[in-house]
Amino acid sequence: MLRALAVDDERPSLEELLYLLNADPRIGSAEGAGDATEALRRINRALESGPDGPEAIDVVFLDIQMPGLDGLDLARLLTGFARPPLIVFVTAHEDFAVQAFDLKAVDYVLKPVRKERLAEAVRRAAAQRGTTPRIPVHEPDPDHIPVELGGVTRFVAVDDITHVEAQGDYARLHTDRGSHLVRIPLSTLEERWRSRGFVRIHRRHLVALRHIAELRLDAGTVSVLIGSEELQVSRRHARELRDLLMRRTTS
């Protein structure tokens, strides 16, 4: 059973978050703090109590934009502790996701918070704490990948993804209609989608072979054209890419 602390300076948002957390069977207790300073005092008591003490906190659900000390500031402070609680950011802004990854956040949940999405964040926290989840987790749909947009989860068809860009432990999925940030390393997507025609062309890029319009050679450099975007191909991947494209055109 996880012991949670929710931190948000907006009272209605805090109360809604606490309501959803208390409704999750994996949450043993949940309390709130109205700002990061109050949360830091509470976390200090938890650390003094020890991991098995009555004041212990396993995971903090943390808003980012707050007056004074903001959520990112608090998370940075916690990285200096020997046994800090896990962090799940809960915010209305997508722009801080990469910074959240750098601070080793368990998850990044967009407001307005939905019960199903928060449950996934709790599941991830429970997995890291080694507790057994009580809610069954279904196998992902291999033809689609869930992405969050404005607090709504949408399912992007893998066949619509033209290329993927690495951003730390996140990946940005590019389609003809826009891009989406997901918390999945590029190496994981490379392994998962190899059989679907995706190939690594650079340490930062994974591309769908079917979406390559041109292979360009210029003064010893290799690049590919996908839509209107030109992506560089590293030397170590150039030969494999040429061979794959040749096999596709002759098969």
C-alpha atoms as a PDB file:
ATOM      1  CA  MET A   1       0.000   0.000   0.000  1.00  0.00           C
ATOM      2  CA  LEU A   2       1.495   3.305  -1.104  1.00  0.00           C
ATOM      3  CA  ARG A   3       1.590   6.338   1.166  1.00  0.00           C
ATOM      4  CA  ALA A   4       1.053   9.433  -0.968  1.00  0.00           C
ATOM      5  CA  LEU A   5       1.420  13.187  -0.665  1.00  0.00           C
ATOM      6  CA  ALA A   6      -0.408  15.427  -3.163  1.00  0.00           C
ATOM      7  CA  VAL A   7       0.886  18.970  -3.672  1.00  0.00           C
ATOM      8  CA  ASP A   8      -1.096  21.692  -5.452  1.00  0.00           C
ATOM      9  CA  ASP A   9      -1.680  25.354  -4.647  1.00  0.00           C
ATOM     10  CA  GLU A  10      -5.170  25.298  -6.214  1.00  0.00           C
ATOM     11  CA  ARG A  11      -7.535  23.893  -3.596  1.00  0.00           C
ATOM     12  CA  PRO A  12     -10.129  22.380  -5.997  1.00  0.00           C
ATOM     13  CA  SER A  13      -7.392  20.584  -7.953  1.00  0.00           C
ATOM     14  CA  LEU A  14      -5.842  19.301  -4.737  1.00  0.00           C
ATOM     15  CA  GLU A  15      -9.158  18.008  -3.419  1.00  0.00           C
ATOM     16  CA  GLU A  16      -9.941  16.275  -6.719  1.00  0.00           C
ATOM     17  CA  LEU A  17      -6.512  14.649  -6.796  1.00  0.00           C
ATOM     18  CA  LEU A  18      -6.865  13.435  -3.206  1.00  0.00           C
ATOM     19  CA  TYR A  19     -10.316  12.044  -3.983  1.00  0.00           C
ATOM     20  CA  LEU A  20      -8.973  10.036  -6.921  1.00  0.00           C
ATOM     21  CA  LEU A  21      -5.957   8.796  -4.972  1.00  0.00           C
ATOM     22  CA  ASN A  22      -8.034   7.646  -2.017  1.00  0.00           C
ATOM     23  CA  ALA A  23     -10.293   5.736  -4.408  1.00  0.00           C
ATOM     24  CA  ASP A  24      -7.339   3.682  -5.701  1.00  0.00           C
ATOM     25  CA  PRO A  25      -6.912   0.381  -3.779  1.00  0.00           C
ATOM     26  CA  ARG A  26      -3.122   0.620  -4.042  1.00  0.00           C
ATOM     27  CA  ILE A  27      -3.057   3.856  -2.051  1.00  0.00           C
ATOM     28  CA  GLY A  28      -2.977   3.194   1.679  1.00  0.00           C
ATOM     29  CA  SER A  29      -3.089   6.865   2.668  1.00  0.00           C
ATOM     30  CA  ALA A  30      -3.078  10.221   0.888  1.00  0.00           C
ATOM     31  CA  GLU A  31      -2.658  13.671   2.358  1.00  0.00           C
ATOM     32  CA  GLY A  32      -2.350  17.102   0.787  1.00  0.00           C
ATOM     33  CA  ALA A  33      -0.100  20.153   0.885  1.00  0.00           C
ATOM     34  CA  GLY A  34      -0.989  23.565  -0.507  1.00  0.00           C
ATOM     35  CA  ASP A  35       2.500  24.554  -1.658  1.00  0.00           C
ATOM     36  CA  ALA A  36       6.004  23.187  -2.122  1.00  0.00           C
ATOM     37  CA  THR A  37       7.332  24.675   1.127  1.00  0.00           C
ATOM     38  CA  GLU A  38       4.656  22.905   3.169  1.00  0.00           C
ATOM     39  CA  ALA A  39       5.349  19.721   1.210  1.00  0.00           C
ATOM     40  CA  LEU A  40       9.084  19.965   1.905  1.00  0.00           C
ATOM     41  CA  ARG A  41       8.433  20.205   5.646  1.00  0.00           C
ATOM     42  CA  ARG A  42       6.166  17.172   5.435  1.00  0.00           C
ATOM     43  CA  ILE A  43       8.723  15.202   3.426  1.00  0.00           C
ATOM     44  CA  ASN A  44      11.451  16.081   5.936  1.00  0.00           C
ATOM     45  CA  ARG A  45       9.326  14.570   8.696  1.00  0.00           C
ATOM     46  CA  ALA A  46       8.816  11.490   6.562  1.00  0.00           C
ATOM     47  CA  LEU A  47      12.548  11.057   6.004  1.00  0.00           C
ATOM     48  CA  GLU A  48      13.253  11.498   9.695  1.00  0.00           C
ATOM     49  CA  SER A  49      10.608   8.856  10.418  1.00  0.00           C
ATOM     50  CA  GLY A  50      12.334   6.344   8.139  1.00  0.00           C
ATOM     51  CA  PRO A  51      10.897   4.200   5.315  1.00  0.00           C
ATOM     52  CA  ASP A  52       8.843   2.106   7.738  1.00  0.00           C
ATOM     53  CA  GLY A  53       7.926   4.883  10.146  1.00  0.00           C
ATOM     54  CA  PRO A  54       4.449   6.297  10.737  1.00  0.00           C
ATOM     55  CA  GLU A  55       5.284   9.517   8.837  1.00  0.00           C
ATOM     56  CA  ALA A  56       6.749   7.779   5.761  1.00  0.00           C
ATOM     57  CA  ILE A  57       5.814   8.880   2.224  1.00  0.00           C
ATOM     58  CA  ASP A  58       6.339   6.638  -0.791  1.00  0.00           C
ATOM     59  CA  VAL A  59       5.265   8.923  -3.638  1.00  0.00           C
ATOM     60  CA  VAL A  60       4.578  12.626  -4.148  1.00  0.00           C
ATOM     61  CA  PHE A  61       2.029  13.775  -6.755  1.00  0.00           C
ATOM     62  CA  LEU A  62       3.396  17.201  -7.540  1.00  0.00           C
ATOM     63  CA  ASP A  63       2.047  20.210  -9.417  1.00  0.00           C
ATOM     64  CA  ILE A  64       4.697  22.240 -11.261  1.00  0.00           C
ATOM     65  CA  GLN A  65       3.586  25.849 -11.460  1.00  0.00           C
ATOM     66  CA  MET A  66       3.130  27.131  -7.911  1.00  0.00           C
ATOM     67  CA  PRO A  67       4.036  30.461  -6.299  1.00  0.00           C
ATOM     68  CA  GLY A  68       7.421  30.629  -4.598  1.00  0.00           C
ATOM     69  CA  LEU A  69       9.125  27.249  -4.694  1.00  0.00           C
ATOM     70  CA  ASP A  70       7.680  25.434  -7.705  1.00  0.00           C
ATOM     71  CA  GLY A  71       7.364  21.717  -8.308  1.00  0.00           C
ATOM     72  CA  LEU A  72      10.567  21.399 -10.326  1.00  0.00           C
ATOM     73  CA  ASP A  73      12.500  23.226  -7.595  1.00  0.00           C
ATOM     74  CA  LEU A  74      11.140  20.832  -4.982  1.00  0.00           C
ATOM     75  CA  ALA A  75      12.004  17.804  -7.116  1.00  0.00           C
ATOM     76  CA  ARG A  76      15.559  19.089  -7.540  1.00  0.00           C
ATOM     77  CA  LEU A  77      15.907  19.439  -3.779  1.00  0.00           C
ATOM     78  CA  LEU A  78      14.683  15.886  -3.281  1.00  0.00           C
ATOM     79  CA  THR A  79      17.363  14.469  -5.592  1.00  0.00           C
ATOM     80  CA  GLY A  80      19.882  15.386  -2.909  1.00  0.00           C
ATOM     81  CA  PHE A  81      18.248  13.133  -0.304  1.00  0.00           C
ATOM     82  CA  ALA A  82      19.496   9.592   0.284  1.00  0.00           C
ATOM     83  CA  ARG A  83      16.035   7.966   0.101  1.00  0.00           C
ATOM     84  CA  PRO A  84      13.653  10.461  -1.525  1.00  0.00           C
ATOM     85  CA  PRO A  85      10.048   9.568  -2.305  1.00  0.00           C
ATOM     86  CA  LEU A  86       9.036   8.865  -5.887  1.00  0.00           C
ATOM     87  CA  ILE A  87       7.770  11.826  -7.900  1.00  0.00           C
ATOM     88  CA  VAL A  88       4.760  11.959 -10.224  1.00  0.00           C
ATOM     89  CA  PHE A  89       4.245  15.365 -11.817  1.00  0.00           C
ATOM     90  CA  VAL A  90       0.631  16.457 -12.260  1.00  0.00           C
ATOM     91  CA  THR A  91       0.404  19.582 -14.403  1.00  0.00           C
ATOM     92  CA  ALA A  92      -1.605  21.423 -17.035  1.00  0.00           C
ATOM     93  CA  HIS A  93       1.539  22.034 -19.105  1.00  0.00           C
ATOM     94  CA  GLU A  94       3.223  19.564 -21.478  1.00  0.00           C
ATOM     95  CA  ASP A  95       6.336  21.716 -21.880  1.00  0.00           C
ATOM     96  CA  PHE A  96       8.139  20.492 -18.748  1.00  0.00           C
ATOM     97  CA  ALA A  97       8.113  16.761 -19.564  1.00  0.00           C
ATOM     98  CA  VAL A  98      11.789  16.528 -20.554  1.00  0.00           C
ATOM     99  CA  GLN A  99      12.857  18.350 -17.372  1.00  0.00           C
ATOM    100  CA  ALA A 100      10.658  15.945 -15.408  1.00  0.00           C
ATOM    101  CA  PHE A 101      12.508  12.998 -16.950  1.00  0.00           C
ATOM    102  CA  ASP A 102      15.846  14.559 -16.045  1.00  0.00           C
ATOM    103  CA  LEU A 103      14.639  14.624 -12.430  1.00  0.00           C
ATOM    104  CA  LYS A 104      13.784  10.881 -12.599  1.00  0.00           C
ATOM    105  CA  ALA A 105      10.021  11.353 -12.352  1.00  0.00           C
ATOM    106  CA  VAL A 106       7.969   8.155 -12.370  1.00  0.00           C
ATOM    107  CA  ASP A 107       5.280   9.699 -14.562  1.00  0.00           C
ATOM    108  CA  TYR A 108       3.961  12.950 -16.004  1.00  0.00           C
ATOM    109  CA  VAL A 109       0.174  13.344 -15.826  1.00  0.00           C
ATOM    110  CA  LEU A 110      -1.621  16.167 -17.602  1.00  0.00           C
ATOM    111  CA  LYS A 111      -4.571  18.046 -16.133  1.00  0.00           C
ATOM    112  CA  PRO A 112      -7.493  17.709 -16.091  1.00  0.00           C
ATOM    113  CA  VAL A 113      -6.644  14.453 -14.354  1.00  0.00           C
ATOM    114  CA  ARG A 114      -8.608  11.413 -15.438  1.00  0.00           C
ATOM    115  CA  LYS A 115      -9.104   8.442 -13.134  1.00  0.00           C
ATOM    116  CA  GLU A 116      -7.703   5.933 -15.637  1.00  0.00           C
ATOM    117  CA  ARG A 117      -4.588   7.999 -16.333  1.00  0.00           C
ATOM    118  CA  LEU A 118      -3.876   8.557 -12.656  1.00  0.00           C
ATOM    119  CA  ALA A 119      -4.314   4.834 -12.036  1.00  0.00           C
ATOM    120  CA  GLU A 120      -1.537   4.182 -14.556  1.00  0.00           C
ATOM    121  CA  ALA A 121       0.754   6.576 -12.660  1.00  0.00           C
ATOM    122  CA  VAL A 122      -0.053   4.780  -9.400  1.00  0.00           C
ATOM    123  CA  ARG A 123       0.689   1.449 -11.089  1.00  0.00           C
ATOM    124  CA  ARG A 124       4.116   2.701 -12.160  1.00  0.00           C
ATOM    125  CA  ALA A 125       4.881   3.974  -8.676  1.00  0.00           C
ATOM    126  CA  ALA A 126       3.749   0.684  -7.142  1.00  0.00           C
ATOM    127  CA  ALA A 127       5.974  -1.234  -9.560  1.00  0.00           C
ATOM    128  CA  GLN A 128       9.012   0.847  -8.589  1.00  0.00           C
ATOM    129  CA  ARG A 129       8.268   0.397  -4.895  1.00  0.00           C
ATOM    130  CA  GLY A 130       7.932  -3.349  -5.437  1.00  0.00           C
ATOM    131  CA  THR A 131       4.302  -3.572  -4.388  1.00  0.00           C
ATOM    132  CA  THR A 132       1.921  -5.878  -6.208  1.00  0.00           C
ATOM    133  CA  PRO A 133      -0.675  -4.042  -8.299  1.00  0.00           C
ATOM    134  CA  ARG A 134      -4.244  -5.091  -7.561  1.00  0.00           C
ATOM    135  CA  ILE A 135      -5.679  -3.807 -10.821  1.00  0.00           C
ATOM    136  CA  PRO A 136      -5.067  -5.983 -13.901  1.00  0.00           C
ATOM    137  CA  VAL A 137      -2.920  -4.429 -16.609  1.00  0.00           C
ATOM    138  CA  HIS A 138      -3.959  -5.296 -20.155  1.00  0.00           C
ATOM    139  CA  GLU A 139      -1.524  -5.949 -22.984  1.00  0.00           C
ATOM    140  CA  PRO A 140      -0.997  -2.874 -25.199  1.00  0.00           C
ATOM    141  CA  ASP A 141      -2.540  -2.681 -28.656  1.00  0.00           C
ATOM    142  CA  PRO A 142       0.358  -3.372 -31.065  1.00  0.00           C
ATOM    143  CA  ASP A 143      -1.217  -1.248 -33.821  1.00  0.00           C
ATOM    144  CA  HIS A 144      -1.663   1.904 -31.743  1.00  0.00           C
ATOM    145  CA  ILE A 145       0.241   3.861 -29.106  1.00  0.00           C
ATOM    146  CA  PRO A 146      -1.502   5.977 -26.447  1.00  0.00           C
ATOM    147  CA  VAL A 147      -0.514   9.650 -26.262  1.00  0.00           C
ATOM    148  CA  GLU A 148      -1.767  12.457 -24.057  1.00  0.00           C
ATOM    149  CA  LEU A 149      -3.060  15.705 -25.486  1.00  0.00           C
ATOM    150  CA  GLY A 150      -4.685  18.290 -23.253  1.00  0.00           C
ATOM    151  CA  GLY A 151      -5.543  15.735 -20.586  1.00  0.00           C
ATOM    152  CA  VAL A 152      -7.126  13.351 -23.105  1.00  0.00           C
ATOM    153  CA  THR A 153      -5.545  10.050 -24.106  1.00  0.00           C
ATOM    154  CA  ARG A 154      -5.630   9.422 -27.828  1.00  0.00           C
ATOM    155  CA  PHE A 155      -4.439   6.396 -29.746  1.00  0.00           C
ATOM    156  CA  VAL A 156      -2.077   7.080 -32.633  1.00  0.00           C
ATOM    157  CA  ALA A 157      -1.818   4.412 -35.321  1.00  0.00           C
ATOM    158  CA  VAL A 158       1.734   3.128 -35.618  1.00  0.00           C
ATOM    159  CA  ASP A 159       1.370   3.136 -39.407  1.00  0.00           C
ATOM    160  CA  ASP A 160       0.809   6.926 -39.287  1.00  0.00           C
ATOM    161  CA  ILE A 161       4.128   7.581 -37.529  1.00  0.00           C
ATOM    162  CA  THR A 162       6.762   8.810 -39.983  1.00  0.00           C
ATOM    163  CA  HIS A 163       9.709   9.032 -37.606  1.00  0.00           C
ATOM    164  CA  VAL A 164      10.618   9.174 -33.931  1.00  0.00           C
ATOM    165  CA  GLU A 165      13.026  11.567 -32.219  1.00  0.00           C
ATOM    166  CA  ALA A 166      14.829  10.738 -28.977  1.00  0.00           C
ATOM    167  CA  GLN A 167      14.494  13.222 -26.120  1.00  0.00           C
ATOM    168  CA  GLY A 168      16.242  11.581 -23.193  1.00  0.00           C
ATOM    169  CA  ASP A 169      14.049   8.804 -21.821  1.00  0.00           C
ATOM    170  CA  TYR A 170      11.163  10.263 -23.809  1.00  0.00           C
ATOM    171  CA  ALA A 171      10.448   9.994 -27.518  1.00  0.00           C
ATOM    172  CA  ARG A 172       8.652  12.426 -29.825  1.00  0.00           C
ATOM    173  CA  LEU A 173       6.425  10.689 -32.359  1.00  0.00           C
ATOM    174  CA  HIS A 174       6.048  12.558 -35.646  1.00  0.00           C
ATOM    175  CA  THR A 175       3.055  12.151 -37.948  1.00  0.00           C
ATOM    176  CA  ASP A 176       1.771  14.186 -40.903  1.00  0.00           C
ATOM    177  CA  ARG A 177      -0.638  15.919 -38.491  1.00  0.00           C
ATOM    178  CA  GLY A 178       1.776  16.837 -35.707  1.00  0.00           C
ATOM    179  CA  SER A 179       3.933  15.316 -32.973  1.00  0.00           C
ATOM    180  CA  HIS A 180       3.387  13.716 -29.569  1.00  0.00           C
ATOM    181  CA  LEU A 181       5.729  13.220 -26.604  1.00  0.00           C
ATOM    182  CA  VAL A 182       5.648   9.797 -24.913  1.00  0.00           C
ATOM    183  CA  ARG A 183       7.645   8.461 -21.979  1.00  0.00           C
ATOM    184  CA  ILE A 184       9.256   5.562 -23.826  1.00  0.00           C
ATOM    185  CA  PRO A 185      12.983   5.371 -24.702  1.00  0.00           C
ATOM    186  CA  LEU A 186      13.852   5.295 -28.389  1.00  0.00           C
ATOM    187  CA  SER A 187      15.651   1.960 -27.912  1.00  0.00           C
ATOM    188  CA  THR A 188      12.406   0.387 -26.665  1.00  0.00           C
ATOM    189  CA  LEU A 189      10.453   1.600 -29.696  1.00  0.00           C
ATOM    190  CA  GLU A 190      13.252   0.418 -31.994  1.00  0.00           C
ATOM    191  CA  GLU A 191      12.956  -3.110 -30.598  1.00  0.00           C
ATOM    192  CA  ARG A 192       9.150  -3.050 -30.533  1.00  0.00           C
ATOM    193  CA  TRP A 193       8.688  -1.714 -34.068  1.00  0.00           C
ATOM    194  CA  ARG A 194      11.563  -3.345 -35.944  1.00  0.00           C
ATOM    195  CA  SER A 195       9.193  -5.875 -37.505  1.00  0.00           C
ATOM    196  CA  ARG A 196       6.906  -3.027 -38.610  1.00  0.00           C
ATOM    197  CA  GLY A 197       9.559  -1.449 -40.843  1.00  0.00           C
ATOM    198  CA  PHE A 198      11.159   1.038 -38.467  1.00  0.00           C
ATOM    199  CA  VAL A 199      14.931   1.380 -38.602  1.00  0.00           C
ATOM    200  CA  ARG A 200      17.461   3.423 -36.654  1.00  0.00           C
ATOM    201  CA  ILE A 201      19.319   5.942 -38.838  1.00  0.00           C
ATOM    202  CA  HIS A 202      20.972   7.959 -36.078  1.00  0.00           C
ATOM    203  CA  ARG A 203      21.311   7.835 -32.303  1.00  0.00           C
ATOM    204  CA  ARG A 204      18.450  10.368 -32.163  1.00  0.00           C
ATOM    205  CA  HIS A 205      16.195   9.128 -34.958  1.00  0.00           C
ATOM    206  CA  LEU A 206      14.108   6.101 -35.816  1.00  0.00           C
ATOM    207  CA  VAL A 207      12.299   6.211 -39.163  1.00  0.00           C
ATOM    208  CA  ALA A 208       9.558   4.242 -40.927  1.00  0.00           C
ATOM    209  CA  LEU A 209      10.976   2.937 -44.198  1.00  0.00           C
ATOM    210  CA  ARG A 210       7.631   3.320 -45.970  1.00  0.00           C
ATOM    211  CA  HIS A 211       7.628   7.059 -45.305  1.00  0.00           C
ATOM    212  CA  ILE A 212      11.083   7.737 -46.787  1.00  0.00           C
ATOM    213  CA  ALA A 213      10.576   9.733 -49.993  1.00  0.00           C
ATOM    214  CA  GLU A 214      14.243  10.159 -50.935  1.00  0.00           C
ATOM    215  CA  LEU A 215      17.696   8.920 -49.989  1.00  0.00           C
ATOM    216  CA  ARG A 216      20.210  11.700 -50.579  1.00  0.00           C
ATOM    217  CA  LEU A 217      24.001  11.467 -50.989  1.00  0.00           C
ATOM    218  CA  ASP A 218      25.970  14.700 -50.850  1.00  0.00           C
ATOM    219  CA  ALA A 219      29.744  14.979 -50.426  1.00  0.00           C
ATOM    220  CA  GLY A 220      29.948  11.789 -48.414  1.00  0.00           C
ATOM    221  CA  THR A 221      26.966  12.538 -46.173  1.00  0.00           C
ATOM    222  CA  VAL A 222      23.712  10.607 -46.294  1.00  0.00           C
ATOM    223  CA  SER A 223      20.265  11.918 -45.453  1.00  0.00           C
ATOM    224  CA  VAL A 224      16.642  10.918 -45.970  1.00  0.00           C
ATOM    225  CA  LEU A 225      13.646  13.037 -46.883  1.00  0.00           C
ATOM    226  CA  ILE A 226      10.456  12.343 -44.940  1.00  0.00           C
ATOM    227  CA  GLY A 227       7.698  14.679 -46.008  1.00  0.00           C
ATOM    228  CA  SER A 228       9.380  18.095 -46.008  1.00  0.00           C
ATOM    229  CA  GLU A 229      11.916  17.167 -43.320  1.00  0.00           C
ATOM    230  CA  GLU A 230      15.470  16.073 -44.078  1.00  0.00           C
ATOM    231  CA  LEU A 231      17.151  13.836 -41.471  1.00  0.00           C
ATOM    232  CA  GLN A 232      20.833  12.988 -41.312  1.00  0.00           C
ATOM    233  CA  VAL A 233      21.913   9.336 -41.431  1.00  0.00           C
ATOM    234  CA  SER A 234      24.969   8.425 -39.374  1.00  0.00           C
ATOM    235  CA  ARG A 235      27.808   6.548 -41.069  1.00  0.00           C
ATOM    236  CA  ARG A 236      27.304   3.438 -38.954  1.00  0.00           C
ATOM    237  CA  HIS A 237      23.678   3.150 -40.130  1.00  0.00           C
ATOM    238  CA  ALA A 238      24.055   4.272 -43.764  1.00  0.00           C
ATOM    239  CA  ARG A 239      24.925   0.888 -45.327  1.00  0.00           C
ATOM    240  CA  GLU A 240      22.145  -0.979 -43.495  1.00  0.00           C
ATOM    241  CA  LEU A 241      19.623   1.669 -44.544  1.00  0.00           C
ATOM    242  CA  ARG A 242      20.652   1.524 -48.215  1.00  0.00           C
ATOM    243  CA  ASP A 243      20.427  -2.273 -48.183  1.00  0.00           C
ATOM    244  CA  LEU A 244      16.962  -2.207 -46.594  1.00  0.00           C
ATOM    245  CA  LEU A 245      15.670   0.340 -49.102  1.00  0.00           C
ATOM    246  CA  MET A 246      17.099  -1.644 -52.020  1.00  0.00           C
ATOM    247  CA  ARG A 247      15.421  -4.827 -50.783  1.00  0.00           C
ATOM    248  CA  ARG A 248      12.103  -3.011 -50.473  1.00  0.00           C
ATOM    249  CA  THR A 249      12.264  -1.687 -54.028  1.00  0.00           C
ATOM    250  CA  THR A 250      13.172  -5.060 -55.524  1.00  0.00           C
ATOM    251  CA  SER A 251      10.781  -7.226 -53.486  1.00  0.00           C
END
